[in-house]
Amino acid sequence: MSNVILSRHRGMPAQDGAGVKLTRIVNQPSLRYQDPFLMLDEFRSDNPNDYIAGFPPHPHRGFVTLTYMLAGRMEHKDSNGNTGVVEAGGAQWMKAARGIIHAEMPKQEDGLMWGFQLWINLPAARKMEAADWADYPQAKLGVVNYDNAEVRVIAGQLDGQEGPIQQPEQRFLMLDVRLDQDAELTVPSQQQQTRLAYVYAGTVTVNDKQVERGELVRLNQTDDLQLKSVNSSVGMIILAGEPIGEPIAQYGPFVMNSQAEIEQALRDYQSGKLTA
């Protein structure tokens, strides 16, 4: 039997925006880009000083962002005139593509703020498309119920349920798997080359290997996941997708294929042409 877990990683403390404290899980020294996934952050705090300053207006070019909230409320505003509030259980998708300037600010002054932001790369042929944005409240997510378990389908599909976010050319999958205490669940492989799982609550065995809260595991492409909660309920994010296989040049909020394209993005931003 093959080893489903290829490697294990823990995130590192980081700050972004105007000082929001978070944990950087993907795109940190022990785990760089996981093509097509550029970055995965978890923000989790009930101390307003850790999040209240939010993410004031800032630019992006060349990729997609996906914000998924477990608790709290975050408002989005962008240079295309879009605005919306993502609440607990909801997701927001933004294709920065050729350029967008947006702000993400907490819509609460106290309480728990808990969620994830995922950056997904775009192939060169799509990096300079028009920007786009969509807001999906929890009611719009696909939900699959099992005995003592529930899976929320944010992107892709599972057991006939589709998530609202679709990037079919990348076969992108994002699931929020929730297991009650002593529950078992099999999540079949969809054969994407890149497959990751991050445990955000509890302890779970993955094909008999124990994985704890705060651990991300890289998974092989082929094996179905045999999940079992250990002593408490479990929450975990499963990501899968097809690598793009192109060069990655990144400078902060710009992700292109070459340094020359990064320099052009900086010129466009400085001259007010990023979103033109």
Protein backbone atom coordinates (compact mmCIF):
# COMPACT_ATOMS: atom_id res chain seq x y z
CA MET A 1 0.00 0.00 0.00
CA SER A 2 1.46 3.37 -1.00
CA ASN A 3 2.02 6.13 1.53
CA VAL A 4 -0.71 8.70 0.92
CA ILE A 5 1.14 11.40 2.89
CA LEU A 6 4.18 12.68 1.01
CA SER A 7 5.27 15.35 3.53
CA ARG A 8 4.05 17.32 6.55
CA HIS A 9 4.31 21.06 7.17
CA ARG A 10 3.33 23.64 9.77
CA GLY A 11 2.62 27.24 8.97
CA MET A 12 4.60 30.16 10.29
CA PRO A 13 3.42 33.39 11.94
CA ALA A 14 3.19 36.32 9.56
CA GLN A 15 1.58 39.72 9.14
CA ASP A 16 -0.06 41.20 6.09
CA GLY A 17 -2.22 44.15 5.15
CA ALA A 18 -2.10 46.81 7.87
CA GLY A 19 -0.69 44.39 10.43
CA VAL A 20 -3.21 41.54 10.41
CA LYS A 21 -1.70 38.58 12.25
CA LEU A 22 -2.01 35.28 10.40
CA THR A 23 -0.39 31.92 9.76
CA ARG A 24 1.21 31.42 6.35
CA ILE A 25 0.79 27.76 5.41
CA VAL A 26 1.75 27.69 1.71
CA ASN A 27 4.51 29.99 0.37
CA GLN A 28 6.78 29.97 3.40
CA PRO A 29 10.30 28.51 3.78
CA SER A 30 9.26 24.91 4.45
CA LEU A 31 6.58 24.83 1.73
CA ARG A 32 6.88 26.98 -1.37
CA TYR A 33 4.42 27.19 -4.25
CA GLN A 34 2.26 24.10 -4.75
CA ASP A 35 1.34 24.68 -8.40
CA PRO A 36 -1.34 25.93 -9.09
CA PHE A 37 -1.63 27.12 -5.44
CA LEU A 38 0.54 30.14 -4.72
CA MET A 39 -0.35 30.84 -1.10
CA LEU A 40 -2.62 29.69 1.72
CA ASP A 41 -3.08 31.82 4.85
CA GLU A 42 -5.17 31.15 7.94
CA PHE A 43 -6.25 34.08 10.08
CA ARG A 44 -7.73 33.20 13.46
CA SER A 45 -8.04 35.51 16.45
CA ASP A 46 -10.60 36.80 18.92
CA ASN A 47 -8.35 39.77 19.72
CA PRO A 48 -9.48 42.75 17.62
CA ASN A 49 -5.95 44.20 17.73
CA ASP A 50 -4.86 41.25 15.57
CA TYR A 51 -7.27 41.98 12.73
CA ILE A 52 -9.10 45.29 13.06
CA ALA A 53 -6.75 47.23 10.74
CA GLY A 54 -7.64 44.84 7.93
CA PHE A 55 -6.27 44.98 4.40
CA PRO A 56 -6.61 48.56 3.05
CA PRO A 57 -6.65 49.16 -0.73
CA HIS A 58 -3.89 47.25 -2.52
CA PRO A 59 -3.31 45.98 -6.08
CA HIS A 60 -3.21 42.49 -7.60
CA ARG A 61 -2.36 41.14 -11.04
CA GLY A 62 -1.99 37.69 -12.56
CA PHE A 63 -3.89 35.27 -10.31
CA VAL A 64 -7.10 34.48 -8.40
CA THR A 65 -7.88 34.98 -4.71
CA LEU A 66 -10.42 32.96 -2.73
CA THR A 67 -11.47 33.94 0.78
CA TYR A 68 -13.40 31.42 2.90
CA MET A 69 -14.72 32.38 6.33
CA LEU A 70 -15.34 30.09 9.30
CA ALA A 71 -16.28 32.90 11.72
CA GLY A 72 -16.65 36.66 11.50
CA ARG A 73 -17.40 39.08 8.67
CA MET A 74 -15.14 40.72 6.09
CA GLU A 75 -16.12 43.44 3.60
CA HIS A 76 -14.75 43.58 0.05
CA LYS A 77 -14.56 46.73 -2.10
CA ASP A 78 -12.67 46.99 -5.40
CA SER A 79 -11.78 49.37 -8.22
CA ASN A 80 -14.47 47.88 -10.47
CA GLY A 81 -17.18 49.06 -8.08
CA ASN A 82 -17.88 45.65 -6.55
CA THR A 83 -18.71 45.45 -2.87
CA GLY A 84 -19.92 42.68 -0.59
CA VAL A 85 -19.57 41.15 2.85
CA VAL A 86 -18.44 37.57 3.29
CA GLU A 87 -19.84 36.02 6.47
CA ALA A 88 -19.24 32.78 8.34
CA GLY A 89 -19.55 29.84 5.94
CA GLY A 90 -19.31 32.02 2.85
CA ALA A 91 -16.68 32.46 0.16
CA GLN A 92 -15.51 35.28 -2.09
CA TRP A 93 -13.69 34.71 -5.39
CA MET A 94 -11.75 37.40 -7.19
CA LYS A 95 -9.93 37.01 -10.51
CA ALA A 96 -7.37 39.80 -10.45
CA ALA A 97 -6.12 38.87 -13.93
CA ARG A 98 -4.81 42.03 -15.67
CA GLY A 99 -5.38 44.12 -12.58
CA ILE A 100 -7.61 45.17 -9.72
CA ILE A 101 -7.27 47.23 -6.56
CA HIS A 102 -9.29 46.02 -3.60
CA ALA A 103 -9.69 46.35 0.15
CA GLU A 104 -10.75 43.71 2.65
CA MET A 105 -11.83 45.17 5.97
CA PRO A 106 -13.37 43.51 9.05
CA LYS A 107 -17.07 44.24 9.56
CA GLN A 108 -16.82 43.61 13.30
CA GLU A 109 -15.08 45.29 16.22
CA ASP A 110 -14.87 42.27 18.50
CA GLY A 111 -15.33 38.49 18.47
CA LEU A 112 -13.64 35.69 16.57
CA MET A 113 -12.34 36.34 13.05
CA TRP A 114 -11.38 33.03 11.44
CA GLY A 115 -10.88 32.11 7.83
CA PHE A 116 -8.56 31.39 4.95
CA GLN A 117 -7.23 33.15 1.90
CA LEU A 118 -6.01 31.06 -1.01
CA TRP A 119 -4.13 32.36 -4.05
CA ILE A 120 -4.49 30.33 -7.25
CA ASN A 121 -2.25 30.98 -10.22
CA LEU A 122 -3.53 31.68 -13.72
CA PRO A 123 -1.85 30.42 -16.90
CA ALA A 124 -0.06 33.02 -19.02
CA ALA A 125 -2.88 32.96 -21.58
CA ARG A 126 -5.37 34.17 -18.92
CA LYS A 127 -3.29 36.55 -16.82
CA MET A 128 -4.30 39.64 -18.79
CA GLU A 129 -8.03 38.90 -19.03
CA ALA A 130 -10.56 41.27 -17.47
CA ALA A 131 -10.85 41.13 -13.70
CA ASP A 132 -13.91 39.51 -12.13
CA TRP A 133 -15.44 39.00 -8.68
CA ALA A 134 -18.22 36.99 -7.05
CA ASP A 135 -19.66 36.60 -3.57
CA TYR A 136 -21.08 33.23 -2.42
CA PRO A 137 -22.91 33.02 0.93
CA GLN A 138 -23.00 29.69 2.72
CA ALA A 139 -26.37 28.81 1.18
CA LYS A 140 -24.72 28.80 -2.26
CA LEU A 141 -22.12 26.17 -1.36
CA GLY A 142 -22.65 22.54 -2.23
CA VAL A 143 -23.21 20.33 0.83
CA VAL A 144 -22.88 16.55 1.05
CA ASN A 145 -24.16 14.91 4.24
CA TYR A 146 -22.90 11.54 5.45
CA ASP A 147 -23.29 9.59 8.70
CA ASN A 148 -21.69 11.83 11.34
CA ALA A 149 -19.95 13.94 8.69
CA GLU A 150 -20.56 16.85 6.35
CA VAL A 151 -18.57 18.16 3.40
CA ARG A 152 -19.03 21.69 2.11
CA VAL A 153 -18.06 21.93 -1.56
CA ILE A 154 -16.55 25.35 -2.24
CA ALA A 155 -14.98 24.54 -5.62
CA GLY A 156 -15.18 21.52 -7.90
CA GLN A 157 -17.56 18.67 -7.20
CA LEU A 158 -18.11 15.74 -4.83
CA ASP A 159 -20.80 13.06 -4.96
CA GLY A 160 -22.90 15.03 -7.43
CA GLN A 161 -22.72 18.31 -5.51
CA GLU A 162 -20.94 21.20 -7.21
CA GLY A 163 -19.32 24.15 -5.54
CA PRO A 164 -20.07 27.61 -6.92
CA ILE A 165 -16.41 28.31 -7.81
CA GLN A 166 -15.35 26.53 -10.97
CA GLN A 167 -12.01 26.59 -12.78
CA PRO A 168 -12.47 23.43 -14.83
CA GLU A 169 -9.25 23.71 -16.80
CA GLN A 170 -7.37 23.32 -13.49
CA ARG A 171 -9.80 20.72 -12.07
CA PHE A 172 -9.72 22.86 -8.94
CA LEU A 173 -11.22 21.27 -5.83
CA MET A 174 -11.74 22.89 -2.42
CA LEU A 175 -13.63 21.04 0.31
CA ASP A 176 -14.37 21.83 3.96
CA VAL A 177 -14.64 18.40 5.59
CA ARG A 178 -16.27 18.24 9.03
CA LEU A 179 -16.32 15.03 11.06
CA ASP A 180 -18.14 14.42 14.31
CA GLN A 181 -16.30 12.62 17.10
CA ASP A 182 -15.45 9.02 16.14
CA ALA A 183 -16.70 9.54 12.58
CA GLU A 184 -15.21 7.91 9.49
CA LEU A 185 -15.35 9.10 5.89
CA THR A 186 -13.76 8.17 2.58
CA VAL A 187 -12.98 11.04 0.20
CA PRO A 188 -12.13 9.61 -3.23
CA SER A 189 -9.18 10.89 -5.18
CA GLN A 190 -10.08 12.82 -8.32
CA GLN A 191 -6.52 12.24 -9.61
CA GLN A 192 -5.33 15.84 -9.59
CA GLN A 193 -1.54 16.01 -9.49
CA THR A 194 -1.45 18.53 -6.63
CA ARG A 195 -3.38 17.52 -3.52
CA LEU A 196 -3.16 19.06 -0.05
CA ALA A 197 -5.07 18.79 3.23
CA TYR A 198 -4.94 21.19 6.17
CA VAL A 199 -6.44 20.34 9.57
CA TYR A 200 -7.93 23.44 11.18
CA ALA A 201 -9.67 21.73 14.12
CA GLY A 202 -9.15 18.48 16.02
CA THR A 203 -7.03 15.47 15.15
CA VAL A 204 -7.70 13.07 12.28
CA THR A 205 -6.15 9.91 10.93
CA VAL A 206 -5.49 9.98 7.19
CA ASN A 207 -5.10 6.38 6.01
CA ASP A 208 -4.05 5.46 9.59
CA LYS A 209 -1.52 8.31 9.90
CA GLN A 210 -2.41 10.86 12.59
CA VAL A 211 -2.57 14.53 11.54
CA GLU A 212 -3.13 17.29 14.10
CA ARG A 213 -4.62 20.78 14.10
CA GLY A 214 -2.26 23.17 12.32
CA GLU A 215 -0.65 20.55 10.07
CA LEU A 216 -0.78 20.59 6.28
CA VAL A 217 -0.03 17.33 4.48
CA ARG A 218 0.93 16.89 0.84
CA LEU A 219 -0.91 13.90 -0.58
CA ASN A 220 -0.21 11.54 -3.42
CA GLN A 221 -2.31 11.75 -6.54
CA THR A 222 -3.95 8.34 -6.46
CA ASP A 223 -5.11 7.10 -3.06
CA ASP A 224 -8.58 7.69 -1.68
CA LEU A 225 -8.47 9.39 1.73
CA GLN A 226 -9.64 7.20 4.62
CA LEU A 227 -10.45 9.75 7.33
CA LYS A 228 -11.29 9.08 10.97
CA SER A 229 -11.67 11.67 13.73
CA VAL A 230 -9.65 11.11 16.91
CA ASN A 231 -11.33 11.90 20.28
CA SER A 232 -13.10 15.05 19.04
CA SER A 233 -14.75 16.63 16.03
CA VAL A 234 -12.53 17.54 13.09
CA GLY A 235 -12.40 20.29 10.49
CA MET A 236 -10.09 20.12 7.48
CA ILE A 237 -9.63 21.84 4.15
CA ILE A 238 -8.84 19.64 1.14
CA LEU A 239 -7.35 21.28 -1.95
CA ALA A 240 -6.56 19.70 -5.31
CA GLY A 241 -5.70 21.01 -8.74
CA GLU A 242 -3.68 20.56 -11.90
CA PRO A 243 -0.27 22.25 -12.11
CA ILE A 244 0.13 24.96 -14.75
CA GLY A 245 3.81 24.18 -15.19
CA GLU A 246 4.87 27.70 -16.19
CA PRO A 247 7.56 29.94 -14.67
CA ILE A 248 6.42 31.97 -11.65
CA ALA A 249 7.72 35.49 -11.07
CA GLN A 250 6.28 37.14 -7.95
CA TYR A 251 6.71 40.57 -6.44
CA GLY A 252 4.27 40.94 -3.55
CA PRO A 253 0.76 41.21 -5.02
CA PHE A 254 1.86 40.65 -8.63
CA VAL A 255 2.37 37.13 -10.00
CA MET A 256 3.49 36.85 -13.62
CA ASN A 257 5.78 34.63 -15.72
CA SER A 258 8.84 36.89 -16.02
CA GLN A 259 10.64 39.72 -14.26
CA ALA A 260 9.90 41.97 -17.25
CA GLU A 261 6.16 41.41 -16.72
CA ILE A 262 6.54 42.24 -13.02
CA GLU A 263 8.30 45.48 -13.90
CA GLN A 264 5.48 46.30 -16.32
CA ALA A 265 2.91 45.64 -13.59
CA LEU A 266 4.74 48.04 -11.28
CA ARG A 267 4.83 50.73 -14.00
CA ASP A 268 1.15 50.20 -14.75
CA TYR A 269 0.25 50.50 -11.06
CA GLN A 270 2.37 53.60 -10.54
CA SER A 271 0.86 55.27 -13.61
CA GLY A 272 -2.72 54.32 -12.75
CA LYS A 273 -3.02 51.89 -15.67
CA LEU A 274 -3.10 48.61 -13.72
CA THR A 275 -6.87 48.25 -14.05
CA ALA A 276 -7.20 49.89 -17.49
